[in-house]
N, C-alpha and C. Protein backbone atom coordinates (compact mmCIF):
# COMPACT_ATOMS: atom_id res chain seq x y z
N MET A 1 -83.72 96.56 -31.21
CA MET A 1 -85.17 96.38 -31.04
C MET A 1 -85.89 97.65 -31.50
N ASP A 2 -86.92 97.46 -32.30
CA ASP A 2 -87.65 98.59 -32.87
C ASP A 2 -88.83 98.94 -31.95
N PHE A 3 -88.79 100.16 -31.38
CA PHE A 3 -89.86 100.60 -30.48
C PHE A 3 -90.84 101.54 -31.18
N SER A 4 -90.72 101.71 -32.46
CA SER A 4 -91.62 102.63 -33.18
C SER A 4 -92.99 101.99 -33.36
N PHE A 5 -94.02 102.85 -33.46
CA PHE A 5 -95.36 102.36 -33.69
C PHE A 5 -95.51 101.85 -35.13
N THR A 6 -96.42 100.90 -35.30
CA THR A 6 -96.79 100.50 -36.65
C THR A 6 -97.65 101.60 -37.28
N GLU A 7 -97.90 101.48 -38.56
CA GLU A 7 -98.76 102.46 -39.24
C GLU A 7 -100.15 102.47 -38.63
N GLU A 8 -100.67 101.28 -38.30
CA GLU A 8 -102.00 101.20 -37.70
C GLU A 8 -102.03 101.83 -36.31
N GLN A 9 -100.98 101.62 -35.53
CA GLN A 9 -100.93 102.21 -34.20
C GLN A 9 -100.79 103.72 -34.24
N THR A 10 -100.04 104.22 -35.19
CA THR A 10 -99.92 105.66 -35.37
C THR A 10 -101.26 106.26 -35.76
N LEU A 11 -101.99 105.59 -36.64
CA LEU A 11 -103.31 106.05 -37.04
C LEU A 11 -104.26 106.07 -35.85
N LEU A 12 -104.20 105.03 -35.01
CA LEU A 12 -105.04 104.98 -33.81
C LEU A 12 -104.72 106.15 -32.90
N ARG A 13 -103.45 106.40 -32.66
CA ARG A 13 -103.06 107.51 -31.79
C ARG A 13 -103.53 108.85 -32.36
N ASN A 14 -103.34 109.05 -33.64
CA ASN A 14 -103.76 110.31 -34.26
C ASN A 14 -105.27 110.49 -34.19
N THR A 15 -106.00 109.39 -34.35
CA THR A 15 -107.47 109.46 -34.30
C THR A 15 -107.96 109.88 -32.92
N VAL A 16 -107.45 109.22 -31.89
CA VAL A 16 -107.92 109.54 -30.54
C VAL A 16 -107.42 110.90 -30.09
N GLN A 17 -106.21 111.27 -30.47
CA GLN A 17 -105.70 112.61 -30.15
C GLN A 17 -106.58 113.68 -30.75
N SER A 18 -106.89 113.54 -32.03
CA SER A 18 -107.70 114.55 -32.72
C SER A 18 -109.09 114.65 -32.10
N PHE A 19 -109.69 113.51 -31.82
CA PHE A 19 -111.04 113.53 -31.25
C PHE A 19 -111.06 114.21 -29.89
N LEU A 20 -110.13 113.86 -29.02
CA LEU A 20 -110.13 114.41 -27.67
C LEU A 20 -109.77 115.90 -27.67
N GLN A 21 -108.89 116.30 -28.54
CA GLN A 21 -108.55 117.72 -28.64
C GLN A 21 -109.75 118.55 -29.07
N ASP A 22 -110.57 117.98 -29.95
CA ASP A 22 -111.74 118.71 -30.46
C ASP A 22 -112.94 118.63 -29.52
N LYS A 23 -113.11 117.50 -28.85
CA LYS A 23 -114.36 117.22 -28.14
C LYS A 23 -114.22 117.14 -26.62
N TYR A 24 -112.99 117.13 -26.08
CA TYR A 24 -112.85 116.81 -24.66
C TYR A 24 -111.83 117.71 -23.99
N ASP A 25 -112.03 119.02 -24.13
CA ASP A 25 -111.15 119.94 -23.41
C ASP A 25 -111.53 119.94 -21.92
N PHE A 26 -110.77 120.66 -21.10
CA PHE A 26 -110.96 120.57 -19.66
C PHE A 26 -112.33 121.11 -19.23
N ASP A 27 -112.81 122.17 -19.88
CA ASP A 27 -114.13 122.70 -19.53
C ASP A 27 -115.22 121.69 -19.82
N THR A 28 -115.09 120.98 -20.95
CA THR A 28 -116.06 119.95 -21.27
C THR A 28 -116.02 118.84 -20.24
N ARG A 29 -114.82 118.45 -19.87
CA ARG A 29 -114.67 117.40 -18.87
C ARG A 29 -115.31 117.82 -17.55
N ARG A 30 -115.12 119.07 -17.15
CA ARG A 30 -115.69 119.56 -15.89
C ARG A 30 -117.22 119.56 -15.95
N LYS A 31 -117.79 119.94 -17.09
CA LYS A 31 -119.25 119.94 -17.23
C LYS A 31 -119.80 118.51 -17.18
N ILE A 32 -119.10 117.59 -17.82
CA ILE A 32 -119.53 116.19 -17.79
C ILE A 32 -119.52 115.67 -16.35
N SER A 33 -118.44 115.96 -15.63
CA SER A 33 -118.32 115.49 -14.25
C SER A 33 -119.41 116.05 -13.36
N ALA A 34 -119.81 117.30 -13.61
CA ALA A 34 -120.81 117.97 -12.77
C ALA A 34 -122.25 117.64 -13.19
N SER A 35 -122.44 116.93 -14.29
CA SER A 35 -123.78 116.61 -14.76
C SER A 35 -124.43 115.58 -13.84
N ALA A 36 -125.74 115.41 -14.00
CA ALA A 36 -126.48 114.46 -13.15
C ALA A 36 -125.96 113.04 -13.32
N ASP A 37 -125.64 112.65 -14.56
CA ASP A 37 -125.15 111.30 -14.81
C ASP A 37 -123.68 111.14 -14.45
N GLY A 38 -122.92 112.21 -14.56
CA GLY A 38 -121.51 112.15 -14.23
C GLY A 38 -120.62 111.58 -15.32
N TRP A 39 -121.21 111.30 -16.47
CA TRP A 39 -120.44 110.85 -17.63
C TRP A 39 -121.26 111.18 -18.87
N SER A 40 -120.68 110.99 -20.05
CA SER A 40 -121.37 111.32 -21.29
C SER A 40 -121.64 110.07 -22.11
N LYS A 41 -122.89 109.68 -22.20
CA LYS A 41 -123.26 108.55 -23.06
C LYS A 41 -122.98 108.87 -24.53
N GLU A 42 -123.12 110.14 -24.87
CA GLU A 42 -122.85 110.55 -26.25
C GLU A 42 -121.38 110.33 -26.60
N ILE A 43 -120.48 110.75 -25.71
CA ILE A 43 -119.05 110.54 -25.94
C ILE A 43 -118.74 109.05 -26.00
N TRP A 44 -119.33 108.28 -25.11
CA TRP A 44 -119.11 106.83 -25.10
C TRP A 44 -119.54 106.22 -26.43
N GLY A 45 -120.67 106.66 -26.94
CA GLY A 45 -121.12 106.17 -28.24
C GLY A 45 -120.17 106.55 -29.36
N GLN A 46 -119.59 107.74 -29.26
CA GLN A 46 -118.64 108.17 -30.28
C GLN A 46 -117.34 107.38 -30.19
N PHE A 47 -116.93 107.01 -28.97
CA PHE A 47 -115.79 106.11 -28.83
C PHE A 47 -116.05 104.80 -29.59
N ALA A 48 -117.28 104.28 -29.45
CA ALA A 48 -117.63 103.04 -30.15
C ALA A 48 -117.60 103.23 -31.66
N GLU A 49 -118.15 104.35 -32.13
CA GLU A 49 -118.18 104.61 -33.58
C GLU A 49 -116.77 104.72 -34.16
N LEU A 50 -115.84 105.25 -33.38
CA LEU A 50 -114.46 105.38 -33.83
C LEU A 50 -113.68 104.07 -33.74
N GLY A 51 -114.28 103.06 -33.14
CA GLY A 51 -113.61 101.78 -32.99
C GLY A 51 -112.70 101.69 -31.79
N LEU A 52 -112.73 102.68 -30.90
CA LEU A 52 -111.83 102.68 -29.75
C LEU A 52 -112.17 101.56 -28.77
N LEU A 53 -113.45 101.25 -28.62
CA LEU A 53 -113.85 100.19 -27.70
C LEU A 53 -113.55 98.81 -28.27
N ALA A 54 -113.31 98.75 -29.57
CA ALA A 54 -113.04 97.48 -30.24
C ALA A 54 -111.55 97.17 -30.34
N ALA A 55 -110.70 98.17 -30.07
CA ALA A 55 -109.27 98.04 -30.35
C ALA A 55 -108.61 96.81 -29.73
N PRO A 56 -108.86 96.47 -28.45
CA PRO A 56 -108.10 95.36 -27.85
C PRO A 56 -108.60 93.96 -28.24
N PHE A 57 -109.77 93.86 -28.85
CA PHE A 57 -110.36 92.55 -29.12
C PHE A 57 -109.94 92.02 -30.49
N SER A 58 -109.93 90.71 -30.61
CA SER A 58 -109.56 90.09 -31.87
C SER A 58 -110.64 90.33 -32.92
N GLU A 59 -110.26 90.16 -34.18
CA GLU A 59 -111.23 90.33 -35.26
C GLU A 59 -112.33 89.28 -35.16
N GLU A 60 -111.98 88.06 -34.68
CA GLU A 60 -112.99 87.01 -34.51
C GLU A 60 -114.01 87.40 -33.46
N GLN A 61 -113.62 88.25 -32.52
CA GLN A 61 -114.53 88.70 -31.46
C GLN A 61 -115.23 90.00 -31.82
N GLY A 62 -115.05 90.46 -33.04
CA GLY A 62 -115.67 91.70 -33.48
C GLY A 62 -114.83 92.93 -33.24
N GLY A 63 -113.57 92.72 -32.86
CA GLY A 63 -112.69 93.83 -32.58
C GLY A 63 -111.78 94.18 -33.74
N LEU A 64 -110.73 94.94 -33.42
CA LEU A 64 -109.79 95.41 -34.43
C LEU A 64 -108.47 94.65 -34.41
N GLY A 65 -108.34 93.67 -33.52
CA GLY A 65 -107.15 92.84 -33.49
C GLY A 65 -105.94 93.52 -32.87
N GLY A 66 -106.17 94.50 -32.01
CA GLY A 66 -105.07 95.18 -31.35
C GLY A 66 -104.51 94.38 -30.20
N GLY A 67 -103.51 94.94 -29.54
CA GLY A 67 -102.88 94.27 -28.42
C GLY A 67 -102.53 95.25 -27.33
N PRO A 68 -101.58 94.89 -26.47
CA PRO A 68 -101.21 95.76 -25.33
C PRO A 68 -100.74 97.15 -25.76
N ILE A 69 -100.03 97.25 -26.88
CA ILE A 69 -99.54 98.56 -27.32
C ILE A 69 -100.71 99.46 -27.70
N ASP A 70 -101.70 98.90 -28.37
CA ASP A 70 -102.88 99.69 -28.75
C ASP A 70 -103.61 100.18 -27.50
N THR A 71 -103.74 99.31 -26.51
CA THR A 71 -104.38 99.70 -25.25
C THR A 71 -103.57 100.79 -24.57
N MET A 72 -102.24 100.65 -24.57
CA MET A 72 -101.38 101.67 -23.96
C MET A 72 -101.57 103.03 -24.63
N ILE A 73 -101.66 103.04 -25.96
CA ILE A 73 -101.85 104.28 -26.70
C ILE A 73 -103.14 104.96 -26.26
N LEU A 74 -104.23 104.20 -26.18
CA LEU A 74 -105.52 104.76 -25.78
C LEU A 74 -105.47 105.26 -24.34
N MET A 75 -104.90 104.47 -23.44
CA MET A 75 -104.86 104.86 -22.04
C MET A 75 -104.01 106.11 -21.85
N GLU A 76 -102.93 106.23 -22.59
CA GLU A 76 -102.08 107.42 -22.49
C GLU A 76 -102.86 108.67 -22.89
N GLU A 77 -103.59 108.60 -23.98
CA GLU A 77 -104.35 109.76 -24.45
C GLU A 77 -105.54 110.05 -23.54
N PHE A 78 -106.23 109.01 -23.06
CA PHE A 78 -107.32 109.21 -22.12
C PHE A 78 -106.80 109.83 -20.83
N GLY A 79 -105.64 109.39 -20.38
CA GLY A 79 -105.06 109.96 -19.17
C GLY A 79 -104.68 111.42 -19.35
N ARG A 80 -104.17 111.75 -20.52
CA ARG A 80 -103.76 113.14 -20.80
C ARG A 80 -104.97 114.07 -20.72
N HIS A 81 -106.15 113.60 -21.10
CA HIS A 81 -107.36 114.43 -21.09
C HIS A 81 -108.26 114.15 -19.88
N LEU A 82 -107.80 113.32 -18.95
CA LEU A 82 -108.57 113.00 -17.74
C LEU A 82 -109.97 112.50 -18.08
N VAL A 83 -110.04 111.61 -19.06
CA VAL A 83 -111.33 111.10 -19.54
C VAL A 83 -112.05 110.36 -18.41
N ILE A 84 -113.31 110.70 -18.20
CA ILE A 84 -114.12 110.12 -17.14
C ILE A 84 -114.73 108.78 -17.55
N GLU A 85 -115.12 108.66 -18.79
CA GLU A 85 -115.85 107.49 -19.26
C GLU A 85 -115.05 106.21 -18.98
N PRO A 86 -115.77 105.10 -18.65
CA PRO A 86 -115.13 103.93 -18.04
C PRO A 86 -114.46 102.97 -19.02
N PHE A 87 -113.50 103.49 -19.79
CA PHE A 87 -112.77 102.62 -20.71
C PHE A 87 -111.96 101.57 -19.96
N MET A 88 -111.24 101.98 -18.93
CA MET A 88 -110.43 101.05 -18.15
C MET A 88 -111.31 99.94 -17.57
N GLU A 89 -112.41 100.33 -16.90
CA GLU A 89 -113.25 99.36 -16.21
C GLU A 89 -113.93 98.41 -17.20
N THR A 90 -114.50 98.97 -18.27
CA THR A 90 -115.30 98.16 -19.18
C THR A 90 -114.44 97.37 -20.16
N VAL A 91 -113.55 98.06 -20.86
CA VAL A 91 -112.83 97.44 -21.97
C VAL A 91 -111.57 96.72 -21.50
N VAL A 92 -110.76 97.41 -20.69
CA VAL A 92 -109.46 96.84 -20.32
C VAL A 92 -109.62 95.73 -19.29
N ILE A 93 -110.34 96.01 -18.19
CA ILE A 93 -110.41 95.03 -17.10
C ILE A 93 -111.46 93.96 -17.40
N CYS A 94 -112.72 94.36 -17.46
CA CYS A 94 -113.77 93.35 -17.66
C CYS A 94 -113.70 92.73 -19.05
N GLY A 95 -113.45 93.55 -20.06
CA GLY A 95 -113.27 93.00 -21.40
C GLY A 95 -112.08 92.07 -21.46
N GLY A 96 -111.01 92.41 -20.72
CA GLY A 96 -109.84 91.54 -20.67
C GLY A 96 -110.15 90.19 -20.04
N PHE A 97 -110.93 90.20 -18.95
CA PHE A 97 -111.35 88.93 -18.34
C PHE A 97 -112.11 88.08 -19.36
N LEU A 98 -113.06 88.69 -20.04
CA LEU A 98 -113.85 87.94 -21.02
C LEU A 98 -112.99 87.44 -22.16
N ARG A 99 -112.09 88.28 -22.63
CA ARG A 99 -111.25 87.93 -23.77
C ARG A 99 -110.31 86.78 -23.43
N GLU A 100 -109.72 86.82 -22.24
CA GLU A 100 -108.67 85.86 -21.89
C GLU A 100 -109.20 84.62 -21.16
N ALA A 101 -110.29 84.77 -20.41
CA ALA A 101 -110.73 83.66 -19.55
C ALA A 101 -112.19 83.27 -19.76
N GLY A 102 -112.93 84.05 -20.53
CA GLY A 102 -114.34 83.74 -20.73
C GLY A 102 -114.53 82.54 -21.64
N THR A 103 -115.63 81.84 -21.45
CA THR A 103 -115.98 80.76 -22.37
C THR A 103 -116.38 81.34 -23.72
N ALA A 104 -116.41 80.49 -24.73
CA ALA A 104 -116.83 80.94 -26.05
C ALA A 104 -118.24 81.53 -26.01
N ALA A 105 -119.11 80.90 -25.21
CA ALA A 105 -120.48 81.40 -25.09
C ALA A 105 -120.52 82.76 -24.42
N GLN A 106 -119.70 82.96 -23.38
CA GLN A 106 -119.66 84.25 -22.69
C GLN A 106 -119.10 85.34 -23.62
N GLN A 107 -118.07 85.01 -24.37
CA GLN A 107 -117.50 85.98 -25.30
C GLN A 107 -118.53 86.38 -26.36
N GLU A 108 -119.22 85.40 -26.88
CA GLU A 108 -120.23 85.67 -27.91
C GLU A 108 -121.38 86.50 -27.36
N ALA A 109 -121.73 86.26 -26.10
CA ALA A 109 -122.87 86.95 -25.50
C ALA A 109 -122.54 88.38 -25.10
N HIS A 110 -121.29 88.65 -24.68
CA HIS A 110 -121.00 89.91 -24.02
C HIS A 110 -120.04 90.85 -24.75
N ILE A 111 -119.09 90.32 -25.49
CA ILE A 111 -118.11 91.20 -26.12
C ILE A 111 -118.74 92.13 -27.16
N PRO A 112 -119.69 91.68 -27.99
CA PRO A 112 -120.29 92.62 -28.94
C PRO A 112 -120.93 93.84 -28.27
N GLY A 113 -121.52 93.66 -27.10
CA GLY A 113 -122.12 94.78 -26.39
C GLY A 113 -121.10 95.78 -25.89
N ILE A 114 -119.90 95.30 -25.56
CA ILE A 114 -118.82 96.21 -25.16
C ILE A 114 -118.30 96.95 -26.38
N VAL A 115 -118.01 96.21 -27.44
CA VAL A 115 -117.47 96.81 -28.66
C VAL A 115 -118.41 97.87 -29.22
N GLY A 116 -119.71 97.59 -29.17
CA GLY A 116 -120.70 98.51 -29.73
C GLY A 116 -121.10 99.64 -28.81
N GLY A 117 -120.61 99.62 -27.57
CA GLY A 117 -120.92 100.69 -26.63
C GLY A 117 -122.26 100.54 -25.95
N GLU A 118 -122.93 99.41 -26.15
CA GLU A 118 -124.26 99.23 -25.54
C GLU A 118 -124.18 98.88 -24.06
N ASN A 119 -123.11 98.24 -23.65
CA ASN A 119 -123.00 97.78 -22.26
C ASN A 119 -121.79 98.38 -21.58
N VAL A 120 -121.97 98.74 -20.33
CA VAL A 120 -120.90 99.24 -19.47
C VAL A 120 -120.71 98.23 -18.35
N TRP A 121 -119.45 97.94 -18.05
CA TRP A 121 -119.12 96.95 -17.03
C TRP A 121 -118.29 97.59 -15.93
N ALA A 122 -118.31 96.96 -14.75
CA ALA A 122 -117.46 97.37 -13.63
C ALA A 122 -117.00 96.13 -12.89
N PHE A 123 -115.84 96.24 -12.25
CA PHE A 123 -115.23 95.10 -11.55
C PHE A 123 -115.25 95.35 -10.06
N GLY A 124 -115.96 94.49 -9.33
CA GLY A 124 -116.02 94.58 -7.88
C GLY A 124 -115.09 93.57 -7.24
N TYR A 125 -114.00 94.05 -6.65
CA TYR A 125 -113.02 93.15 -6.04
C TYR A 125 -112.62 93.58 -4.63
N ALA A 126 -112.65 94.89 -4.36
CA ALA A 126 -112.14 95.39 -3.08
C ALA A 126 -113.16 95.22 -1.97
N GLU A 127 -112.67 94.86 -0.78
CA GLU A 127 -113.52 94.77 0.41
C GLU A 127 -112.84 95.54 1.54
N PRO A 128 -113.63 96.09 2.46
CA PRO A 128 -113.06 96.96 3.49
C PRO A 128 -111.92 96.33 4.29
N GLN A 129 -112.00 95.03 4.56
CA GLN A 129 -110.97 94.39 5.38
C GLN A 129 -109.79 93.93 4.54
N GLY A 130 -109.86 94.04 3.22
CA GLY A 130 -108.89 93.42 2.35
C GLY A 130 -107.50 94.00 2.39
N ARG A 131 -107.38 95.32 2.59
CA ARG A 131 -106.07 95.97 2.67
C ARG A 131 -105.19 95.60 1.48
N TYR A 132 -105.76 95.64 0.29
CA TYR A 132 -105.05 95.38 -0.97
C TYR A 132 -104.68 93.92 -1.19
N ASN A 133 -105.13 93.03 -0.32
CA ASN A 133 -104.97 91.60 -0.56
C ASN A 133 -106.19 91.11 -1.32
N LEU A 134 -106.03 90.84 -2.62
CA LEU A 134 -107.18 90.50 -3.45
C LEU A 134 -107.82 89.18 -3.05
N ALA A 135 -107.08 88.35 -2.31
CA ALA A 135 -107.64 87.06 -1.87
C ALA A 135 -108.35 87.15 -0.54
N ASP A 136 -108.28 88.30 0.14
CA ASP A 136 -108.93 88.46 1.44
C ASP A 136 -110.40 88.80 1.19
N LEU A 137 -111.23 87.76 1.15
CA LEU A 137 -112.63 87.92 0.76
C LEU A 137 -113.55 87.31 1.81
N VAL A 138 -114.57 88.09 2.18
CA VAL A 138 -115.66 87.53 2.97
C VAL A 138 -116.91 87.36 2.11
N THR A 139 -116.89 87.91 0.90
CA THR A 139 -117.98 87.67 -0.05
C THR A 139 -117.92 86.21 -0.47
N THR A 140 -119.05 85.53 -0.41
CA THR A 140 -119.09 84.10 -0.72
C THR A 140 -120.06 83.84 -1.88
N ALA A 141 -119.80 82.74 -2.57
CA ALA A 141 -120.70 82.26 -3.62
C ALA A 141 -120.99 80.80 -3.34
N LYS A 142 -122.25 80.48 -3.13
CA LYS A 142 -122.66 79.12 -2.82
C LYS A 142 -123.49 78.57 -3.97
N ALA A 143 -123.15 77.36 -4.40
CA ALA A 143 -123.89 76.71 -5.48
C ALA A 143 -125.35 76.54 -5.08
N ASP A 144 -126.23 76.83 -6.05
CA ASP A 144 -127.67 76.73 -5.81
C ASP A 144 -128.32 76.30 -7.13
N GLY A 145 -128.56 75.00 -7.26
CA GLY A 145 -129.11 74.50 -8.52
C GLY A 145 -128.11 74.69 -9.65
N ASP A 146 -128.55 75.35 -10.73
CA ASP A 146 -127.67 75.59 -11.87
C ASP A 146 -126.84 76.85 -11.72
N GLY A 147 -127.04 77.58 -10.63
CA GLY A 147 -126.32 78.85 -10.46
C GLY A 147 -125.68 78.97 -9.10
N TYR A 148 -125.48 80.21 -8.69
CA TYR A 148 -124.86 80.51 -7.40
C TYR A 148 -125.62 81.64 -6.73
N VAL A 149 -125.58 81.63 -5.40
CA VAL A 149 -126.07 82.75 -4.61
C VAL A 149 -124.85 83.45 -4.01
N ILE A 150 -124.70 84.74 -4.31
CA ILE A 150 -123.56 85.51 -3.84
C ILE A 150 -124.01 86.41 -2.70
N ASN A 151 -123.26 86.38 -1.61
CA ASN A 151 -123.53 87.25 -0.47
C ASN A 151 -122.27 88.00 -0.10
N GLY A 152 -122.38 89.32 0.02
CA GLY A 152 -121.21 90.09 0.42
C GLY A 152 -121.34 91.54 0.03
N TYR A 153 -120.21 92.25 0.16
CA TYR A 153 -120.17 93.68 -0.11
C TYR A 153 -118.86 94.00 -0.82
N LYS A 154 -118.94 94.82 -1.86
CA LYS A 154 -117.76 95.29 -2.58
C LYS A 154 -117.67 96.80 -2.45
N ALA A 155 -116.49 97.26 -2.10
CA ALA A 155 -116.27 98.68 -1.86
C ALA A 155 -115.58 99.33 -3.06
N VAL A 156 -115.86 100.59 -3.28
CA VAL A 156 -115.18 101.43 -4.28
C VAL A 156 -115.16 100.72 -5.64
N VAL A 157 -116.34 100.41 -6.14
CA VAL A 157 -116.45 99.78 -7.46
C VAL A 157 -116.54 100.90 -8.49
N LEU A 158 -115.41 101.25 -9.06
CA LEU A 158 -115.33 102.38 -9.99
C LEU A 158 -116.16 102.13 -11.24
N GLY A 159 -116.94 103.13 -11.61
CA GLY A 159 -117.79 103.03 -12.79
C GLY A 159 -119.10 102.29 -12.58
N ALA A 160 -119.31 101.76 -11.39
CA ALA A 160 -120.53 100.97 -11.15
C ALA A 160 -121.82 101.76 -11.30
N PRO A 161 -121.87 103.08 -10.98
CA PRO A 161 -123.13 103.80 -11.20
C PRO A 161 -123.61 103.78 -12.65
N TRP A 162 -122.68 103.62 -13.60
CA TRP A 162 -123.04 103.63 -15.01
C TRP A 162 -123.21 102.22 -15.58
N ALA A 163 -122.78 101.23 -14.82
CA ALA A 163 -122.69 99.86 -15.35
C ALA A 163 -124.05 99.17 -15.35
N ASP A 164 -124.21 98.27 -16.32
CA ASP A 164 -125.33 97.34 -16.26
C ASP A 164 -124.87 95.91 -16.02
N LYS A 165 -123.56 95.68 -16.12
CA LYS A 165 -122.98 94.37 -15.84
C LYS A 165 -121.83 94.54 -14.86
N LEU A 166 -121.69 93.57 -13.96
CA LEU A 166 -120.60 93.57 -12.99
C LEU A 166 -119.85 92.25 -13.08
N ILE A 167 -118.55 92.30 -12.84
CA ILE A 167 -117.79 91.09 -12.55
C ILE A 167 -117.38 91.18 -11.09
N ILE A 168 -117.76 90.15 -10.32
CA ILE A 168 -117.60 90.16 -8.88
C ILE A 168 -116.71 88.99 -8.45
N SER A 169 -115.73 89.26 -7.61
CA SER A 169 -114.93 88.18 -7.03
C SER A 169 -115.61 87.68 -5.75
N ALA A 170 -115.61 86.36 -5.59
CA ALA A 170 -116.25 85.76 -4.41
C ALA A 170 -115.53 84.46 -4.08
N ARG A 171 -115.59 84.11 -2.83
CA ARG A 171 -114.94 82.87 -2.39
C ARG A 171 -115.89 81.69 -2.56
N THR A 172 -115.38 80.67 -3.25
CA THR A 172 -116.15 79.44 -3.45
C THR A 172 -115.60 78.28 -2.62
N SER A 173 -114.38 78.45 -2.09
CA SER A 173 -113.81 77.43 -1.21
C SER A 173 -112.63 78.04 -0.46
N GLY A 174 -112.17 77.32 0.57
CA GLY A 174 -111.00 77.76 1.31
C GLY A 174 -111.31 78.79 2.38
N GLY A 175 -110.24 79.24 3.06
CA GLY A 175 -110.37 80.22 4.12
C GLY A 175 -110.37 81.63 3.59
N GLN A 176 -110.60 82.59 4.48
CA GLN A 176 -110.82 83.98 4.08
C GLN A 176 -109.67 84.56 3.27
N ARG A 177 -108.44 84.18 3.57
CA ARG A 177 -107.28 84.77 2.89
C ARG A 177 -106.53 83.79 2.01
N ASP A 178 -107.11 82.63 1.75
CA ASP A 178 -106.44 81.64 0.90
C ASP A 178 -106.35 82.15 -0.53
N ALA A 179 -105.20 81.91 -1.15
CA ALA A 179 -105.02 82.31 -2.55
C ALA A 179 -105.91 81.49 -3.48
N GLU A 180 -106.16 80.24 -3.12
CA GLU A 180 -107.02 79.38 -3.93
C GLU A 180 -108.47 79.54 -3.49
N GLY A 181 -109.38 79.17 -4.37
CA GLY A 181 -110.80 79.19 -4.03
C GLY A 181 -111.51 80.48 -4.31
N VAL A 182 -110.90 81.38 -5.11
CA VAL A 182 -111.53 82.64 -5.49
C VAL A 182 -112.03 82.51 -6.92
N SER A 183 -113.29 82.86 -7.15
CA SER A 183 -113.90 82.77 -8.47
C SER A 183 -114.47 84.13 -8.88
N LEU A 184 -114.64 84.30 -10.18
CA LEU A 184 -115.23 85.53 -10.71
C LEU A 184 -116.60 85.20 -11.31
N PHE A 185 -117.56 86.10 -11.07
CA PHE A 185 -118.93 85.88 -11.52
C PHE A 185 -119.43 87.10 -12.28
N ILE A 186 -120.12 86.84 -13.39
CA ILE A 186 -120.82 87.91 -14.11
C ILE A 186 -122.18 88.10 -13.45
N VAL A 187 -122.46 89.33 -13.06
CA VAL A 187 -123.70 89.64 -12.35
C VAL A 187 -124.40 90.80 -13.05
N ASP A 188 -125.68 90.62 -13.35
CA ASP A 188 -126.49 91.73 -13.83
C ASP A 188 -126.73 92.69 -12.68
N LYS A 189 -126.45 93.97 -12.88
CA LYS A 189 -126.67 94.91 -11.78
C LYS A 189 -128.16 95.03 -11.43
N SER A 190 -129.02 94.68 -12.38
CA SER A 190 -130.46 94.74 -12.13
C SER A 190 -131.00 93.47 -11.48
N ALA A 191 -130.14 92.50 -11.19
CA ALA A 191 -130.60 91.24 -10.60
C ALA A 191 -131.18 91.46 -9.21
N ALA A 192 -132.13 90.62 -8.86
CA ALA A 192 -132.75 90.70 -7.53
C ALA A 192 -131.67 90.56 -6.45
N GLY A 193 -131.74 91.44 -5.45
CA GLY A 193 -130.81 91.38 -4.34
C GLY A 193 -129.58 92.24 -4.49
N VAL A 194 -129.36 92.81 -5.68
CA VAL A 194 -128.21 93.69 -5.88
C VAL A 194 -128.62 95.13 -5.57
N SER A 195 -127.88 95.77 -4.69
CA SER A 195 -128.14 97.17 -4.39
C SER A 195 -126.82 97.93 -4.41
N THR A 196 -126.89 99.22 -4.69
CA THR A 196 -125.67 100.03 -4.77
C THR A 196 -125.86 101.33 -4.01
N ARG A 197 -124.75 101.85 -3.52
CA ARG A 197 -124.71 103.20 -2.97
C ARG A 197 -123.70 103.98 -3.80
N ASP A 198 -124.20 104.90 -4.61
CA ASP A 198 -123.37 105.62 -5.56
C ASP A 198 -122.86 106.92 -4.96
N TYR A 199 -121.65 107.33 -5.34
CA TYR A 199 -121.08 108.57 -4.82
C TYR A 199 -119.99 109.06 -5.76
N PRO A 200 -119.69 110.37 -5.73
CA PRO A 200 -118.59 110.91 -6.54
C PRO A 200 -117.25 110.64 -5.86
N THR A 201 -116.21 110.52 -6.67
CA THR A 201 -114.86 110.35 -6.15
C THR A 201 -114.12 111.69 -6.20
N VAL A 202 -112.96 111.75 -5.56
CA VAL A 202 -112.24 113.01 -5.46
C VAL A 202 -111.72 113.49 -6.83
N ASP A 203 -111.61 112.58 -7.80
CA ASP A 203 -111.13 112.98 -9.12
C ASP A 203 -112.27 113.30 -10.09
N GLY A 204 -113.50 113.40 -9.56
CA GLY A 204 -114.62 113.80 -10.39
C GLY A 204 -115.29 112.66 -11.12
N ARG A 205 -114.97 111.44 -10.76
CA ARG A 205 -115.63 110.28 -11.37
C ARG A 205 -116.72 109.77 -10.43
N ARG A 206 -117.22 108.57 -10.68
CA ARG A 206 -118.28 108.01 -9.83
C ARG A 206 -117.92 106.57 -9.45
N SER A 207 -118.36 106.18 -8.26
CA SER A 207 -118.08 104.85 -7.73
C SER A 207 -119.29 104.40 -6.94
N SER A 208 -119.26 103.14 -6.53
CA SER A 208 -120.37 102.58 -5.76
C SER A 208 -119.85 101.60 -4.72
N GLY A 209 -120.62 101.48 -3.64
CA GLY A 209 -120.55 100.30 -2.79
C GLY A 209 -121.64 99.37 -3.29
N VAL A 210 -121.32 98.11 -3.49
CA VAL A 210 -122.27 97.16 -4.10
C VAL A 210 -122.55 96.02 -3.12
């Protein structure tokens, strides 16, 4: 079995390595973390220009047609430099939901904004009583006309202070800990009734209670 990178994967690794070595040393990272925003929109935009935010998406979705290995390469390099910007939250997790489970309309509406760096996403799944059981939810979603009304609280939503879009897990049927009856909803963070409590994390990033 051949475990070597393809030419394209090697180029991707070299590109991100070179960029981070030049632009994201530890002092830079510390200054970004200590800034009022807690992240760098400029760096995020440069990630988009380099195609890093597009790597996991198919060419039909406006991406570069990469796969799990490409994502692994990026995550390894981002981890080596302790990158604060929300690549995991926006591209890997929320982008992955859209890529694998989103409708064609949702993909068309939202993936270009991720690829282009215009939109930041965060995933709200944890609840104080959950104890790592992803199905233990007291957040509910009740049908209301053509939409839903969501009531609940999500704890430690990483990257939420920077996000304009959220994916929220909520119970649509069943009991509090049932494996079935859990749904995911795209929520505008600016929607009426959404409030956040933002705070720094011990690793110098930012999180919210939503």
